[in-house]
């Protein structure tokens, strides 16, 4: 491990939890890119399972809700 990375990781120990989670997310993306496989964390897995359950119950966004979301985020 190079000195710069070691220093960043040491400093990250004192960061707020949200910032530490952001660093973890970036590192996971790099690891996934290197391995070619993305491993879900528990929050991601739970969100996907909830989305599938909602779809199974027929709970979908209306066309108007989707259009409003696209407009809001410029998609």
PDB file of N, CA and C in Angstrom:
ATOM      1  N   UNK A   1       0.861  -1.169   0.000  1.00  0.00           N
ATOM      2  CA  UNK A   1       0.000   0.000   0.000  1.00  0.00           C
ATOM      3  C   UNK A   1       0.903   1.225   0.000  1.00  0.00           C
ATOM      4  N   UNK A   2       0.576   2.196  -0.859  1.00  0.00           N
ATOM      5  CA  UNK A   2       1.422   3.386  -0.894  1.00  0.00           C
ATOM      6  C   UNK A   2       1.088   4.329   0.261  1.00  0.00           C
ATOM      7  N   UNK A   3       2.015   5.236   0.530  1.00  0.00           N
ATOM      8  CA  UNK A   3       1.901   6.119   1.693  1.00  0.00           C
ATOM      9  C   UNK A   3       0.676   7.023   1.616  1.00  0.00           C
ATOM     10  N   UNK A   4       0.349   7.502   0.425  1.00  0.00           N
ATOM     11  CA  UNK A   4      -0.796   8.407   0.289  1.00  0.00           C
ATOM     12  C   UNK A   4      -2.100   7.690   0.650  1.00  0.00           C
ATOM     13  N   UNK A   5      -2.261   6.475   0.164  1.00  0.00           N
ATOM     14  CA  UNK A   5      -3.470   5.711   0.491  1.00  0.00           C
ATOM     15  C   UNK A   5      -3.515   5.403   1.982  1.00  0.00           C
ATOM     16  N   UNK A   6      -2.395   5.002   2.543  1.00  0.00           N
ATOM     17  CA  UNK A   6      -2.326   4.718   3.974  1.00  0.00           C
ATOM     18  C   UNK A   6      -2.739   5.949   4.783  1.00  0.00           C
ATOM     19  N   UNK A   7      -2.265   7.137   4.375  1.00  0.00           N
ATOM     20  CA  UNK A   7      -2.589   8.381   5.068  1.00  0.00           C
ATOM     21  C   UNK A   7      -4.083   8.705   4.962  1.00  0.00           C
ATOM     22  N   UNK A   8      -4.640   8.535   3.777  1.00  0.00           N
ATOM     23  CA  UNK A   8      -6.072   8.806   3.592  1.00  0.00           C
ATOM     24  C   UNK A   8      -6.905   7.884   4.477  1.00  0.00           C
ATOM     25  N   UNK A   9      -6.565   6.607   4.492  1.00  0.00           N
ATOM     26  CA  UNK A   9      -7.327   5.666   5.308  1.00  0.00           C
ATOM     27  C   UNK A   9      -7.197   5.981   6.796  1.00  0.00           C
ATOM     28  N   UNK A  10      -6.008   6.395   7.213  1.00  0.00           N
ATOM     29  CA  UNK A  10      -5.823   6.777   8.618  1.00  0.00           C
ATOM     30  C   UNK A  10      -6.683   7.993   8.949  1.00  0.00           C
ATOM     31  N   UNK A  11      -6.666   9.002   8.073  1.00  0.00           N
ATOM     32  CA  UNK A  11      -7.472  10.204   8.304  1.00  0.00           C
ATOM     33  C   UNK A  11      -8.963   9.895   8.298  1.00  0.00           C
ATOM     34  N   UNK A  12      -9.360   8.958   7.456  1.00  0.00           N
ATOM     35  CA  UNK A  12     -10.779   8.620   7.329  1.00  0.00           C
ATOM     36  C   UNK A  12     -11.359   8.074   8.628  1.00  0.00           C
ATOM     37  N   UNK A  13     -10.508   7.552   9.497  1.00  0.00           N
ATOM     38  CA  UNK A  13     -10.992   7.037  10.779  1.00  0.00           C
ATOM     39  C   UNK A  13     -11.699   8.112  11.596  1.00  0.00           C
ATOM     40  N   UNK A  14     -11.323   9.372  11.396  1.00  0.00           N
ATOM     41  CA  UNK A  14     -11.926  10.462  12.174  1.00  0.00           C
ATOM     42  C   UNK A  14     -13.042  11.183  11.413  1.00  0.00           C
ATOM     43  N   UNK A  15     -13.344  10.744  10.203  1.00  0.00           N
ATOM     44  CA  UNK A  15     -14.395  11.376   9.409  1.00  0.00           C
ATOM     45  C   UNK A  15     -15.764  11.010   9.978  1.00  0.00           C
ATOM     46  N   UNK A  16     -16.763  11.837   9.675  1.00  0.00           N
ATOM     47  CA  UNK A  16     -18.141  11.472  10.033  1.00  0.00           C
ATOM     48  C   UNK A  16     -18.559  10.192   9.300  1.00  0.00           C
ATOM     49  N   UNK A  17     -19.494   9.487   9.876  1.00  0.00           N
ATOM     50  CA  UNK A  17     -19.954   8.214   9.312  1.00  0.00           C
ATOM     51  C   UNK A  17     -20.390   8.350   7.851  1.00  0.00           C
ATOM     52  N   UNK A  18     -21.108   9.415   7.508  1.00  0.00           N
ATOM     53  CA  UNK A  18     -21.568   9.597   6.125  1.00  0.00           C
ATOM     54  C   UNK A  18     -20.395   9.666   5.155  1.00  0.00           C
ATOM     55  N   UNK A  19     -19.337  10.375   5.532  1.00  0.00           N
ATOM     56  CA  UNK A  19     -18.161  10.481   4.669  1.00  0.00           C
ATOM     57  C   UNK A  19     -17.445   9.136   4.555  1.00  0.00           C
ATOM     58  N   UNK A  20     -17.379   8.394   5.641  1.00  0.00           N
ATOM     59  CA  UNK A  20     -16.764   7.072   5.591  1.00  0.00           C
ATOM     60  C   UNK A  20     -17.557   6.155   4.659  1.00  0.00           C
ATOM     61  N   UNK A  21     -18.882   6.234   4.735  1.00  0.00           N
ATOM     62  CA  UNK A  21     -19.720   5.411   3.862  1.00  0.00           C
ATOM     63  C   UNK A  21     -19.519   5.781   2.394  1.00  0.00           C
ATOM     64  N   UNK A  22     -19.332   7.067   2.127  1.00  0.00           N
ATOM     65  CA  UNK A  22     -19.084   7.510   0.754  1.00  0.00           C
ATOM     66  C   UNK A  22     -17.761   6.944   0.240  1.00  0.00           C
ATOM     67  N   UNK A  23     -16.725   6.966   1.070  1.00  0.00           N
ATOM     68  CA  UNK A  23     -15.435   6.400   0.683  1.00  0.00           C
ATOM     69  C   UNK A  23     -15.561   4.901   0.420  1.00  0.00           C
ATOM     70  N   UNK A  24     -16.308   4.223   1.265  1.00  0.00           N
ATOM     71  CA  UNK A  24     -16.537   2.792   1.076  1.00  0.00           C
ATOM     72  C   UNK A  24     -17.224   2.535  -0.260  1.00  0.00           C
ATOM     73  N   UNK A  25     -18.220   3.338  -0.590  1.00  0.00           N
ATOM     74  CA  UNK A  25     -18.941   3.164  -1.858  1.00  0.00           C
ATOM     75  C   UNK A  25     -18.011   3.350  -3.048  1.00  0.00           C
ATOM     76  N   UNK A  26     -17.157   4.369  -2.995  1.00  0.00           N
ATOM     77  CA  UNK A  26     -16.194   4.578  -4.084  1.00  0.00           C
ATOM     78  C   UNK A  26     -15.246   3.392  -4.203  1.00  0.00           C
ATOM     79  N   UNK A  27     -14.743   2.927  -3.077  1.00  0.00           N
ATOM     80  CA  UNK A  27     -13.811   1.800  -3.095  1.00  0.00           C
ATOM     81  C   UNK A  27     -14.487   0.542  -3.631  1.00  0.00           C
ATOM     82  N   UNK A  28     -15.744   0.338  -3.261  1.00  0.00           N
ATOM     83  CA  UNK A  28     -16.478  -0.831  -3.768  1.00  0.00           C
ATOM     84  C   UNK A  28     -16.664  -0.760  -5.280  1.00  0.00           C
ATOM     85  N   UNK A  29     -16.906   0.432  -5.806  1.00  0.00           N
ATOM     86  CA  UNK A  29     -17.044   0.595  -7.253  1.00  0.00           C
ATOM     87  C   UNK A  29     -15.734   0.275  -7.964  1.00  0.00           C
ATOM     88  N   UNK A  30     -14.631   0.734  -7.416  1.00  0.00           N
ATOM     89  CA  UNK A  30     -13.322   0.435  -8.008  1.00  0.00           C
ATOM     90  C   UNK A  30     -13.067  -1.068  -7.966  1.00  0.00           C
ATOM     91  N   UNK A  31     -13.341  -1.678  -6.829  1.00  0.00           N
ATOM     92  CA  UNK A  31     -13.139  -3.120  -6.692  1.00  0.00           C
ATOM     93  C   UNK A  31     -14.004  -3.894  -7.688  1.00  0.00           C
ATOM     94  N   UNK A  32     -15.239  -3.485  -7.851  1.00  0.00           N
ATOM     95  CA  UNK A  32     -16.135  -4.148  -8.801  1.00  0.00           C
ATOM     96  C   UNK A  32     -15.619  -3.999 -10.222  1.00  0.00           C
ATOM     97  N   UNK A  33     -15.138  -2.816 -10.566  1.00  0.00           N
ATOM     98  CA  UNK A  33     -14.596  -2.583 -11.905  1.00  0.00           C
ATOM     99  C   UNK A  33     -13.380  -3.476 -12.148  1.00  0.00           C
ATOM    100  N   UNK A  34     -12.540  -3.624 -11.142  1.00  0.00           N
ATOM    101  CA  UNK A  34     -11.336  -4.434 -11.281  1.00  0.00           C
ATOM    102  C   UNK A  34     -11.679  -5.914 -11.403  1.00  0.00           C
ATOM    103  N   UNK A  35     -12.668  -6.369 -10.655  1.00  0.00           N
ATOM    104  CA  UNK A  35     -13.034  -7.782 -10.651  1.00  0.00           C
ATOM    105  C   UNK A  35     -14.058  -8.132 -11.722  1.00  0.00           C
ATOM    106  N   UNK A  36     -14.792  -7.122 -12.184  1.00  0.00           N
ATOM    107  CA  UNK A  36     -15.851  -7.390 -13.145  1.00  0.00           C
ATOM    108  C   UNK A  36     -17.118  -7.923 -12.493  1.00  0.00           C
ATOM    109  N   UNK A  37     -17.158  -7.901 -11.168  1.00  0.00           N
ATOM    110  CA  UNK A  37     -18.315  -8.395 -10.424  1.00  0.00           C
ATOM    111  C   UNK A  37     -18.638  -7.381  -9.340  1.00  0.00           C
ATOM    112  N   UNK A  38     -19.916  -7.029  -9.233  1.00  0.00           N
ATOM    113  CA  UNK A  38     -20.333  -6.105  -8.177  1.00  0.00           C
ATOM    114  C   UNK A  38     -21.080  -6.896  -7.119  1.00  0.00           C
ATOM    115  N   UNK A  39     -20.650  -6.768  -5.888  1.00  0.00           N
ATOM    116  CA  UNK A  39     -21.296  -7.456  -4.777  1.00  0.00           C
ATOM    117  C   UNK A  39     -22.150  -6.440  -4.025  1.00  0.00           C
ATOM    118  N   UNK A  40     -23.437  -6.743  -3.921  1.00  0.00           N
ATOM    119  CA  UNK A  40     -24.360  -5.840  -3.237  1.00  0.00           C
ATOM    120  C   UNK A  40     -24.062  -5.793  -1.746  1.00  0.00           C
ATOM    121  N   UNK A  41     -24.218  -4.603  -1.161  1.00  0.00           N
ATOM    122  CA  UNK A  41     -24.178  -4.543   0.295  1.00  0.00           C
ATOM    123  C   UNK A  41     -25.600  -4.809   0.800  1.00  0.00           C
ATOM    124  N   UNK A  42     -25.758  -4.919   2.101  1.00  0.00           N
ATOM    125  CA  UNK A  42     -27.065  -5.280   2.660  1.00  0.00           C
ATOM    126  C   UNK A  42     -28.151  -4.250   2.351  1.00  0.00           C
ATOM    127  N   UNK A  43     -27.814  -2.955   2.373  1.00  0.00           N
ATOM    128  CA  UNK A  43     -28.801  -1.916   2.060  1.00  0.00           C
ATOM    129  C   UNK A  43     -29.256  -2.017   0.610  1.00  0.00           C
ATOM    130  N   UNK A  44     -28.312  -2.255  -0.301  1.00  0.00           N
ATOM    131  CA  UNK A  44     -28.664  -2.389  -1.720  1.00  0.00           C
ATOM    132  C   UNK A  44     -29.535  -3.621  -1.939  1.00  0.00           C
ATOM    133  N   UNK A  45     -29.150  -4.721  -1.303  1.00  0.00           N
ATOM    134  CA  UNK A  45     -29.926  -5.955  -1.446  1.00  0.00           C
ATOM    135  C   UNK A  45     -31.351  -5.754  -0.919  1.00  0.00           C
ATOM    136  N   UNK A  46     -31.476  -5.097   0.226  1.00  0.00           N
ATOM    137  CA  UNK A  46     -32.800  -4.850   0.809  1.00  0.00           C
ATOM    138  C   UNK A  46     -33.637  -3.958  -0.099  1.00  0.00           C
ATOM    139  N   UNK A  47     -33.014  -2.933  -0.693  1.00  0.00           N
ATOM    140  CA  UNK A  47     -33.747  -2.030  -1.585  1.00  0.00           C
ATOM    141  C   UNK A  47     -34.236  -2.772  -2.824  1.00  0.00           C
ATOM    142  N   UNK A  48     -33.411  -3.640  -3.370  1.00  0.00           N
ATOM    143  CA  UNK A  48     -33.817  -4.418  -4.546  1.00  0.00           C
ATOM    144  C   UNK A  48     -34.950  -5.371  -4.185  1.00  0.00           C
ATOM    145  N   UNK A  49     -34.813  -6.046  -3.057  1.00  0.00           N
ATOM    146  CA  UNK A  49     -35.869  -6.967  -2.634  1.00  0.00           C
ATOM    147  C   UNK A  49     -37.187  -6.238  -2.413  1.00  0.00           C
ATOM    148  N   UNK A  50     -37.121  -5.038  -1.825  1.00  0.00           N
ATOM    149  CA  UNK A  50     -38.342  -4.250  -1.620  1.00  0.00           C
ATOM    150  C   UNK A  50     -38.939  -3.834  -2.960  1.00  0.00           C
ATOM    151  N   UNK A  51     -38.105  -3.421  -3.900  1.00  0.00           N
ATOM    152  CA  UNK A  51     -38.594  -3.047  -5.224  1.00  0.00           C
ATOM    153  C   UNK A  51     -39.265  -4.217  -5.930  1.00  0.00           C
ATOM    154  N   UNK A  52     -38.670  -5.397  -5.819  1.00  0.00           N
ATOM    155  CA  UNK A  52     -39.274  -6.585  -6.421  1.00  0.00           C
ATOM    156  C   UNK A  52     -40.599  -6.933  -5.746  1.00  0.00           C
ATOM    157  N   UNK A  53     -40.651  -6.768  -4.433  1.00  0.00           N
ATOM    158  CA  UNK A  53     -41.904  -7.028  -3.714  1.00  0.00           C
ATOM    159  C   UNK A  53     -42.984  -6.044  -4.142  1.00  0.00           C
ATOM    160  N   UNK A  54     -42.615  -4.767  -4.292  1.00  0.00           N
ATOM    161  CA  UNK A  54     -43.582  -3.764  -4.750  1.00  0.00           C
ATOM    162  C   UNK A  54     -44.083  -4.116  -6.147  1.00  0.00           C
ATOM    163  N   UNK A  55     -43.177  -4.520  -7.018  1.00  0.00           N
ATOM    164  CA  UNK A  55     -43.586  -4.904  -8.375  1.00  0.00           C
ATOM    165  C   UNK A  55     -44.514  -6.114  -8.324  1.00  0.00           C
ATOM    166  N   UNK A  56     -44.201  -7.060  -7.454  1.00  0.00           N
ATOM    167  CA  UNK A  56     -45.045  -8.242  -7.302  1.00  0.00           C
ATOM    168  C   UNK A  56     -46.450  -7.904  -6.837  1.00  0.00           C
ATOM    169  N   UNK A  57     -46.561  -6.816  -6.075  1.00  0.00           N
ATOM    170  CA  UNK A  57     -47.879  -6.361  -5.611  1.00  0.00           C
ATOM    171  C   UNK A  57     -48.541  -5.424  -6.615  1.00  0.00           C
ATOM    172  N   UNK A  58     -47.864  -5.158  -7.729  1.00  0.00           N
ATOM    173  CA  UNK A  58     -48.421  -4.269  -8.743  1.00  0.00           C
ATOM    174  C   UNK A  58     -48.295  -2.800  -8.411  1.00  0.00           C
ATOM    175  N   UNK A  59     -47.372  -2.466  -7.524  1.00  0.00           N
ATOM    176  CA  UNK A  59     -47.182  -1.071  -7.112  1.00  0.00           C
ATOM    177  C   UNK A  59     -46.137  -0.417  -8.017  1.00  0.00           C
ATOM    178  N   UNK A  60     -46.616   0.279  -9.025  1.00  0.00           N
ATOM    179  CA  UNK A  60     -45.733   0.938  -9.978  1.00  0.00           C
ATOM    180  C   UNK A  60     -45.996   2.439  -9.974  1.00  0.00           C
ATOM    181  N   UNK A  61     -44.983   3.212 -10.341  1.00  0.00           N
ATOM    182  CA  UNK A  61     -45.162   4.658 -10.489  1.00  0.00           C
ATOM    183  C   UNK A  61     -46.050   4.916 -11.698  1.00  0.00           C
ATOM    184  N   UNK A  62     -46.864   5.956 -11.609  1.00  0.00           N
ATOM    185  CA  UNK A  62     -47.689   6.339 -12.753  1.00  0.00           C
ATOM    186  C   UNK A  62     -46.802   6.985 -13.812  1.00  0.00           C
ATOM    187  N   UNK A  63     -47.313   7.074 -15.029  1.00  0.00           N
ATOM    188  CA  UNK A  63     -46.578   7.756 -16.097  1.00  0.00           C
ATOM    189  C   UNK A  63     -46.279   9.199 -15.709  1.00  0.00           C
ATOM    190  N   UNK A  64     -47.221   9.831 -15.019  1.00  0.00           N
ATOM    191  CA  UNK A  64     -47.033  11.220 -14.601  1.00  0.00           C
ATOM    192  C   UNK A  64     -45.903  11.340 -13.573  1.00  0.00           C
ATOM    193  N   UNK A  65     -45.832  10.403 -12.641  1.00  0.00           N
ATOM    194  CA  UNK A  65     -44.758  10.418 -11.638  1.00  0.00           C
ATOM    195  C   UNK A  65     -43.391  10.220 -12.285  1.00  0.00           C
ATOM    196  N   UNK A  66     -43.328   9.319 -13.242  1.00  0.00           N
ATOM    197  CA  UNK A  66     -42.067   9.076 -13.951  1.00  0.00           C
ATOM    198  C   UNK A  66     -41.667  10.307 -14.750  1.00  0.00           C
ATOM    199  N   UNK A  67     -42.616  10.915 -15.451  1.00  0.00           N
ATOM    200  CA  UNK A  67     -42.325  12.119 -16.236  1.00  0.00           C
ATOM    201  C   UNK A  67     -41.833  13.248 -15.334  1.00  0.00           C
ATOM    202  N   UNK A  68     -42.444  13.408 -14.165  1.00  0.00           N
ATOM    203  CA  UNK A  68     -42.024  14.456 -13.226  1.00  0.00           C
ATOM    204  C   UNK A  68     -40.608  14.197 -12.725  1.00  0.00           C
ATOM    205  N   UNK A  69     -40.291  12.945 -12.474  1.00  0.00           N
ATOM    206  CA  UNK A  69     -38.941  12.591 -12.030  1.00  0.00           C
ATOM    207  C   UNK A  69     -37.917  12.885 -13.119  1.00  0.00           C
ATOM    208  N   UNK A  70     -38.225  12.493 -14.353  1.00  0.00           N
ATOM    209  CA  UNK A  70     -37.314  12.767 -15.467  1.00  0.00           C
ATOM    210  C   UNK A  70     -37.119  14.263 -15.650  1.00  0.00           C
ATOM    211  N   UNK A  71     -38.210  15.018 -15.532  1.00  0.00           N
ATOM    212  CA  UNK A  71     -38.113  16.471 -15.686  1.00  0.00           C
ATOM    213  C   UNK A  71     -37.247  17.070 -14.584  1.00  0.00           C
ATOM    214  N   UNK A  72     -37.443  16.595 -13.380  1.00  0.00           N
ATOM    215  CA  UNK A  72     -36.697  17.128 -12.230  1.00  0.00           C
ATOM    216  C   UNK A  72     -35.194  16.897 -12.373  1.00  0.00           C
ATOM    217  N   UNK A  73     -34.808  15.729 -12.873  1.00  0.00           N
ATOM    218  CA  UNK A  73     -33.391  15.377 -12.954  1.00  0.00           C
ATOM    219  C   UNK A  73     -32.822  15.484 -14.367  1.00  0.00           C
ATOM    220  N   UNK A  74     -33.611  16.027 -15.276  1.00  0.00           N
ATOM    221  CA  UNK A  74     -33.114  16.290 -16.624  1.00  0.00           C
ATOM    222  C   UNK A  74     -32.840  15.048 -17.450  1.00  0.00           C
ATOM    223  N   UNK A  75     -33.583  14.003 -17.198  1.00  0.00           N
ATOM    224  CA  UNK A  75     -33.386  12.771 -17.971  1.00  0.00           C
ATOM    225  C   UNK A  75     -34.303  12.747 -19.171  1.00  0.00           C
TER     226      UNK A  75
END
